[in-house]
Amino acid sequence: MFEYNLIVVGTGIRTVGQLTMESLAWMKKADKLFYVVGDPIGEDVIKDLNPDGAQTLTHLYAEGKPRIETYNEMVETIMKSVREGFVTVAAFYGHPGVFAYPSHESIRVALREGFKAKMLPGISSEDCLFADLGVDPAMNGCQSYEATDFLANGRIIDNSSQVILWQIGVLGDWTFKKNGYDISSMPLMVEKLTKYYPAEHEVIVYEASIYIGCEAVINKVPIYMLPYTPLNSASTLYIPPYRPTVADATYVYRMKMPTNA
């Protein structure tokens, strides 16, 4: 095993069963094992893997505290361990490179300071979504945006493709909340989506299961009902295509593709 100062790993959505063998090996080897997971069973698994080195970072969250402030504190905690010479592993639920600022930033800082660091992949909620909904991103294509970014930054939808809007349940709220987020901007999301789809177009509010034996949440609703649909921080919005893909005859001809391809 190559020597690194910092390894960032993903625990998968279900820590039990979705940890890779490589990630398990590094978690056991670590002098310091920092973790952020979303369920008590996953936390127990991590503590059992490294009883002496495991330490949660979830205590850095606080009600009403900006999430970016918490993320920067996580980075500093991880880097303090690296600078002190400990073999450090940071474990984040899901894929550590998907909607996980502290993981990327920790590696950037470590590399900038001359340490050896790398990220190992994990199973993300997107992977679970493709499996649970039975959809393939290669069919019709797939666009993916963070929900607040989509609303705030003039993103454009091709409604012949599939669309995934992440973190729909924290739309417009930059803070941490234990008991539900302020999603009063949801009517604005409906307003923007209905520029591309009929208000009656059926979408899916999806939430991956974090426990073995439990089913994923798959709630089909028309777009106009989104402001009245139960959502939480784990909710993802999947929008199926509204219209068929239209071939570009010029490029089809220039690629010498058969017309029925």
Protein backbone atom coordinates (compact mmCIF):
# COMPACT_ATOMS: atom_id res chain seq x y z
CA MET A 1 0.00 0.00 0.00
CA PHE A 2 1.42 3.37 -0.99
CA GLU A 3 2.08 5.78 1.81
CA TYR A 4 -0.12 8.84 1.98
CA ASN A 5 -0.60 11.54 4.56
CA LEU A 6 -4.30 11.96 3.79
CA ILE A 7 -6.84 9.63 2.26
CA VAL A 8 -10.43 10.75 1.73
CA VAL A 9 -12.92 7.90 1.34
CA GLY A 10 -16.63 7.43 0.73
CA THR A 11 -18.73 5.19 2.93
CA GLY A 12 -21.55 4.83 0.42
CA ILE A 13 -25.14 5.70 1.21
CA ARG A 14 -25.43 2.51 3.29
CA THR A 15 -22.17 2.13 5.19
CA VAL A 16 -22.99 -1.52 5.80
CA GLY A 17 -22.43 -3.19 2.45
CA GLN A 18 -21.23 -0.22 0.36
CA LEU A 19 -17.73 0.35 1.74
CA THR A 20 -15.03 -0.78 -0.69
CA MET A 21 -12.24 -3.08 0.43
CA GLU A 22 -9.68 -0.36 -0.28
CA SER A 23 -11.53 2.17 1.86
CA LEU A 24 -11.90 -0.38 4.68
CA ALA A 25 -8.16 -1.05 4.65
CA TRP A 26 -7.29 2.65 4.92
CA MET A 27 -9.85 3.25 7.66
CA LYS A 28 -8.32 0.47 9.73
CA LYS A 29 -4.78 1.70 9.06
CA ALA A 30 -5.40 5.37 9.97
CA ASP A 31 -3.92 7.03 13.03
CA LYS A 32 -6.81 9.48 12.88
CA LEU A 33 -10.12 8.60 11.26
CA PHE A 34 -12.51 11.54 10.94
CA TYR A 35 -15.99 10.81 9.68
CA VAL A 36 -19.30 12.36 8.68
CA VAL A 37 -22.10 9.81 8.23
CA GLY A 38 -25.85 10.09 8.41
CA ASP A 39 -26.89 7.07 10.46
CA PRO A 40 -26.00 5.52 13.85
CA ILE A 41 -25.36 2.06 12.39
CA GLY A 42 -22.77 3.50 10.03
CA GLU A 43 -21.17 5.34 12.92
CA ASP A 44 -20.91 2.13 14.94
CA VAL A 45 -19.29 0.35 11.99
CA ILE A 46 -16.66 3.08 11.68
CA LYS A 47 -15.91 3.06 15.40
CA ASP A 48 -15.46 -0.71 15.30
CA LEU A 49 -13.03 -0.41 12.39
CA ASN A 50 -10.77 1.98 14.28
CA PRO A 51 -11.72 2.25 17.97
CA ASP A 52 -8.71 4.37 18.93
CA GLY A 53 -8.65 6.78 15.99
CA ALA A 54 -12.28 7.33 14.97
CA GLN A 55 -13.68 10.80 15.62
CA THR A 56 -16.90 12.35 14.30
CA LEU A 57 -16.99 15.79 12.72
CA THR A 58 -20.76 16.19 12.91
CA HIS A 59 -20.44 18.09 16.19
CA LEU A 60 -19.21 21.05 14.12
CA TYR A 61 -22.73 21.60 12.75
CA ALA A 62 -24.94 23.97 14.73
CA GLU A 63 -28.49 25.23 14.34
CA GLY A 64 -28.59 28.24 12.03
CA LYS A 65 -24.82 28.13 11.40
CA PRO A 66 -23.76 28.67 7.77
CA ARG A 67 -22.79 25.30 6.32
CA ILE A 68 -19.68 26.74 4.64
CA GLU A 69 -18.39 27.76 8.08
CA THR A 70 -18.80 24.20 9.31
CA TYR A 71 -17.11 22.81 6.19
CA ASN A 72 -14.07 25.05 6.66
CA GLU A 73 -13.79 23.92 10.28
CA MET A 74 -13.83 20.31 9.08
CA VAL A 75 -10.99 21.07 6.66
CA GLU A 76 -8.95 22.70 9.40
CA THR A 77 -9.51 19.77 11.78
CA ILE A 78 -8.41 17.29 9.12
CA MET A 79 -5.38 19.34 8.13
CA LYS A 80 -4.29 19.83 11.74
CA SER A 81 -4.00 16.05 12.02
CA VAL A 82 -2.06 15.83 8.74
CA ARG A 83 0.33 18.59 9.80
CA GLU A 84 0.98 16.82 13.09
CA GLY A 85 2.24 13.78 11.18
CA PHE A 86 -0.69 11.40 11.62
CA VAL A 87 -1.82 9.10 8.82
CA THR A 88 -5.22 10.70 8.40
CA VAL A 89 -8.38 9.34 6.81
CA ALA A 90 -11.52 11.41 6.33
CA ALA A 91 -14.67 9.39 5.60
CA PHE A 92 -17.76 11.05 4.15
CA TYR A 93 -21.08 9.36 3.43
CA GLY A 94 -21.85 8.67 -0.20
CA HIS A 95 -19.14 9.54 -2.70
CA PRO A 96 -16.60 11.88 -1.10
CA GLY A 97 -16.28 13.90 -4.29
CA VAL A 98 -20.00 14.50 -4.83
CA PHE A 99 -21.44 17.53 -2.99
CA ALA A 100 -18.68 17.33 -0.41
CA TYR A 101 -16.69 20.55 -0.27
CA PRO A 102 -14.58 19.56 2.79
CA SER A 103 -13.23 16.47 1.06
CA HIS A 104 -12.04 18.27 -2.07
CA GLU A 105 -10.74 21.26 -0.14
CA SER A 106 -8.80 19.06 2.32
CA ILE A 107 -7.00 17.38 -0.57
CA ARG A 108 -6.32 20.70 -2.30
CA VAL A 109 -4.81 22.17 0.88
CA ALA A 110 -2.79 19.04 1.61
CA LEU A 111 -1.30 18.90 -1.89
CA ARG A 112 -0.56 22.62 -1.84
CA GLU A 113 1.36 22.16 1.42
CA GLY A 114 3.42 19.31 -0.01
CA PHE A 115 1.61 16.33 1.54
CA LYS A 116 0.59 13.19 -0.35
CA ALA A 117 -3.17 12.94 -0.57
CA LYS A 118 -5.78 11.16 -2.66
CA MET A 119 -9.50 10.42 -2.83
CA LEU A 120 -11.12 7.01 -3.11
CA PRO A 121 -14.60 6.79 -4.68
CA GLY A 122 -17.77 5.62 -3.00
CA ILE A 123 -21.37 4.87 -3.96
CA SER A 124 -23.32 8.11 -4.24
CA SER A 125 -27.02 8.85 -4.05
CA GLU A 126 -26.89 9.28 -7.84
CA ASP A 127 -25.72 5.67 -8.21
CA CYS A 128 -28.58 4.56 -5.97
CA LEU A 129 -31.04 6.70 -7.95
CA PHE A 130 -30.12 5.09 -11.26
CA ALA A 131 -30.61 1.64 -9.71
CA ASP A 132 -33.80 2.37 -7.76
CA LEU A 133 -35.57 4.27 -10.54
CA GLY A 134 -34.32 1.97 -13.30
CA VAL A 135 -33.00 4.81 -15.43
CA ASP A 136 -29.82 5.01 -17.48
CA PRO A 137 -28.00 8.37 -17.88
CA ALA A 138 -26.84 7.24 -21.32
CA MET A 139 -30.44 7.11 -22.57
CA ASN A 140 -31.56 10.63 -23.55
CA GLY A 141 -28.59 12.10 -21.65
CA CYS A 142 -28.66 13.48 -18.12
CA GLN A 143 -28.23 17.01 -16.79
CA SER A 144 -27.31 17.52 -13.16
CA TYR A 145 -27.48 20.70 -11.05
CA GLU A 146 -27.54 21.64 -7.41
CA ALA A 147 -31.05 23.01 -6.90
CA THR A 148 -30.14 26.45 -5.51
CA ASP A 149 -27.43 26.87 -8.15
CA PHE A 150 -29.94 25.95 -10.86
CA LEU A 151 -32.38 28.58 -9.67
CA ALA A 152 -29.84 31.32 -8.97
CA ASN A 153 -27.42 31.05 -11.88
CA GLY A 154 -29.43 31.00 -15.07
CA ARG A 155 -29.01 27.31 -15.84
CA ILE A 156 -30.74 26.01 -18.96
CA ILE A 157 -32.60 22.72 -19.33
CA ASP A 158 -32.79 20.49 -22.40
CA ASN A 159 -36.18 18.93 -21.68
CA SER A 160 -35.49 16.00 -23.99
CA SER A 161 -32.91 14.79 -21.47
CA GLN A 162 -33.18 13.53 -17.92
CA VAL A 163 -32.54 16.16 -15.22
CA ILE A 164 -31.40 15.71 -11.63
CA LEU A 165 -31.68 18.56 -9.14
CA TRP A 166 -29.67 17.88 -6.00
CA GLN A 167 -30.47 19.15 -2.51
CA ILE A 168 -33.98 20.20 -3.47
CA GLY A 169 -34.95 19.97 0.20
CA VAL A 170 -32.58 22.78 1.24
CA LEU A 171 -33.41 25.09 -1.67
CA GLY A 172 -32.27 28.63 -0.91
CA ASP A 173 -31.16 27.90 2.68
CA TRP A 174 -27.41 28.14 3.32
CA THR A 175 -27.56 27.25 7.02
CA PHE A 176 -27.83 24.01 8.98
CA LYS A 177 -31.22 23.07 10.41
CA LYS A 178 -32.10 20.03 12.51
CA ASN A 179 -35.85 20.25 12.06
CA GLY A 180 -36.43 21.26 8.46
CA TYR A 181 -35.09 23.90 6.10
CA ASP A 182 -36.62 27.12 4.84
CA ILE A 183 -37.72 26.20 1.33
CA SER A 184 -40.06 29.16 0.83
CA SER A 185 -38.35 29.64 -2.56
CA MET A 186 -39.99 26.48 -3.93
CA PRO A 187 -42.69 28.44 -5.85
CA LEU A 188 -39.82 30.11 -7.71
CA MET A 189 -38.51 26.67 -8.64
CA VAL A 190 -41.94 25.75 -9.98
CA GLU A 191 -42.01 29.01 -11.92
CA LYS A 192 -38.68 28.25 -13.57
CA LEU A 193 -39.41 24.59 -14.29
CA THR A 194 -42.69 25.45 -15.98
CA LYS A 195 -40.71 27.41 -18.56
CA TYR A 196 -39.54 24.00 -19.78
CA TYR A 197 -42.35 21.62 -18.78
CA PRO A 198 -46.12 21.66 -18.33
CA ALA A 199 -47.11 22.18 -14.70
CA GLU A 200 -48.61 18.67 -14.78
CA HIS A 201 -45.35 17.00 -15.85
CA GLU A 202 -44.65 14.21 -13.36
CA VAL A 203 -41.36 14.33 -11.47
CA ILE A 204 -39.93 12.12 -8.72
CA VAL A 205 -38.82 13.20 -5.26
CA TYR A 206 -36.21 10.56 -4.44
CA GLU A 207 -34.38 9.62 -1.27
CA ALA A 208 -31.92 6.71 -1.19
CA SER A 209 -32.31 4.18 1.62
CA ILE A 210 -29.55 4.29 4.22
CA TYR A 211 -30.55 1.00 5.88
CA ILE A 212 -30.48 -2.55 4.51
CA GLY A 213 -34.02 -3.86 4.15
CA CYS A 214 -35.60 -0.41 3.88
CA GLU A 215 -36.98 0.87 0.61
CA ALA A 216 -35.97 4.10 -1.07
CA VAL A 217 -38.44 6.99 -1.06
CA ILE A 218 -39.92 7.37 -4.57
CA ASN A 219 -42.66 10.00 -4.55
CA LYS A 220 -44.18 10.86 -7.93
CA VAL A 221 -45.78 14.30 -8.09
CA PRO A 222 -46.65 16.89 -10.75
CA ILE A 223 -44.36 19.92 -10.81
CA TYR A 224 -47.05 22.25 -9.50
CA MET A 225 -47.29 20.18 -6.28
CA LEU A 226 -43.63 20.60 -5.29
CA PRO A 227 -44.32 23.41 -2.76
CA TYR A 228 -46.72 21.06 -0.95
CA THR A 229 -44.58 17.90 -1.09
CA PRO A 230 -42.64 16.67 1.99
CA LEU A 231 -38.91 17.24 1.49
CA ASN A 232 -35.78 16.95 3.62
CA SER A 233 -32.05 17.45 3.25
CA ALA A 234 -31.65 14.03 1.59
CA SER A 235 -34.28 14.67 -1.10
CA THR A 236 -33.28 14.70 -4.77
CA LEU A 237 -35.54 15.71 -7.66
CA TYR A 238 -35.52 13.55 -10.78
CA ILE A 239 -37.22 14.97 -13.89
CA PRO A 240 -37.82 12.54 -16.75
CA PRO A 241 -37.66 13.75 -20.36
CA TYR A 242 -40.70 15.64 -21.62
CA ARG A 243 -40.16 15.26 -25.36
CA PRO A 244 -38.29 12.92 -27.71
CA THR A 245 -34.73 13.63 -28.74
CA VAL A 246 -34.51 15.36 -32.13
CA ALA A 247 -31.67 14.28 -34.39
CA ASP A 248 -29.37 16.87 -35.96
CA ALA A 249 -29.51 15.79 -39.59
CA THR A 250 -26.30 17.60 -40.53
CA TYR A 251 -24.15 15.79 -37.99
CA VAL A 252 -25.89 12.48 -38.55
CA TYR A 253 -24.97 12.75 -42.23
CA ARG A 254 -21.39 13.87 -41.51
CA MET A 255 -20.85 10.96 -39.09
CA LYS A 256 -22.26 8.61 -41.77
CA MET A 257 -24.64 7.18 -39.18
CA PRO A 258 -27.57 5.00 -40.24
CA THR A 259 -30.80 6.99 -40.09
CA ASN A 260 -32.33 4.56 -37.59
CA ALA A 261 -29.40 4.85 -35.10
